[in-house]
Amino acid sequence: MKIAFYGSSIVSAYWNGAATYYRGLLRALAQKGYDIIFYEPDVYDRQKNRDIDPPEWCGVVVYDGTVEALKTVTAEAARADIVVKASGVGFEDDLLLQEVLRNAPPRALKIFWDVDAPATLAELRGDPDHVLRKALGELDLVLTYGGGDPVVDAYRSLGAANCVPVYNALDPVTHHPVPHDARFSADLGFLGNRLPDREARVEHFFLEPAARLPRQTFLLGGSGWGDKSMSENVNFIGHVSTRDHNAFNVTPKAVLNISRASMAENGFSPATRVFEAAGAGACLITDYWEGIELFLKPEEEVLVARDGQDVADILAGLDRERAKAIGERALTRVLSEHTYVHRAEAVDLLFRSHAGAAREAAE
């Protein structure tokens, strides 16, 4: 089956946290025989900051950030069996959805794939005339990369025919154990861009513990933190290329996952970073969110902190031997249950069952 997928970017992870998710899942679907073309706009300097070349398993069409170019690429939806419009594409999202639905053939499976469900649902609840809210009745399926029952129930209450979470996972081809790299030596590392929905939690879970533990070293990677006040034992290294993520994850004694506030409040929303770190065999400390035990077992495969003091206490009592054992158990767990191959199996079944219903409805 042919998939026309309209998303933010698959060739650039620059200010694009969904890239890892797209790559892992679409690669696994391509291996199952799907013929995929990914359409992405040339915005936010992503094309100037590509971290991969267009992959052999997925066609990539980059279009100019103009309405004319958008209408040209959405016309190609007419040739697809499955048409996907993702959230947060970054250029004329409402118009993109309208044009995708206008051009998709009646027999095609029409999907909205939400990679930030808490933010999207907040918009929909606040605007009865929102383009997506009005379009839910035309869609065959809403997929989300997290959220569990709260998100499923919310989408159905707004008119979605069906909503199914497809969680983040591990792509072992790109995230795996590597040798330690002295550039990333630290007791605790955190990698994440400075975002309004995360900054206060980074202060609480990372910068405050660093100030409490002056004899331990902390490593901060990501964009936007240059003018942030931090203690002398924090080494800020700026943007870290995806080619260095494995070394960043595995070299410190432990690495930290800090969810955005909306994701933590909603629960059942493991970030890509959780699986990237586990896939590298890292010892992961994560802030608490409901549902974590579905993915990793607390105290054995992951360490869970409810506040900054917990992070400081965990780190103060964590030796390298225990950290290594936790990372090894996490790696075993994600390889056995949480790879994108596992996710693609479930998505393939969804596609095939819903595609049949879509064809029958069109006849």
Foldseek 3Di string as FASTA:
>chain_A
DEEEAEAQDCQFCVVNQCNLVCVQQQLLLLVVPYAAEYEAECDPCRVVHGQHDPDPSYHYHYFYLDPVRLLVSLLVLCVGQEYEYEPPNPHPSLVSLVSNLVNHDLLHQYEYEYAPQLVVLVVCVVDVPRSVLVCQQVHLEYEYQWQPPVSQVSSVVSPHPGYYYLHAAADLVQFAADDADPVQEFQEEEEDADDPQFPVQCCKAPQVLCVVCVVTAYEYEEADCPPPDGDPRYHYDYHDRSNCLLNNLARHLAYEDEDGNSDQVSFGHDRNVLNSNLRNLFAYEYEDHPPPCVQANDPQQHDYDPINVSNNVCSVPDDSVSRNRNSVVSNVRRVVAGGSNNSNVVVVVVNVVSSVVSNVVSD
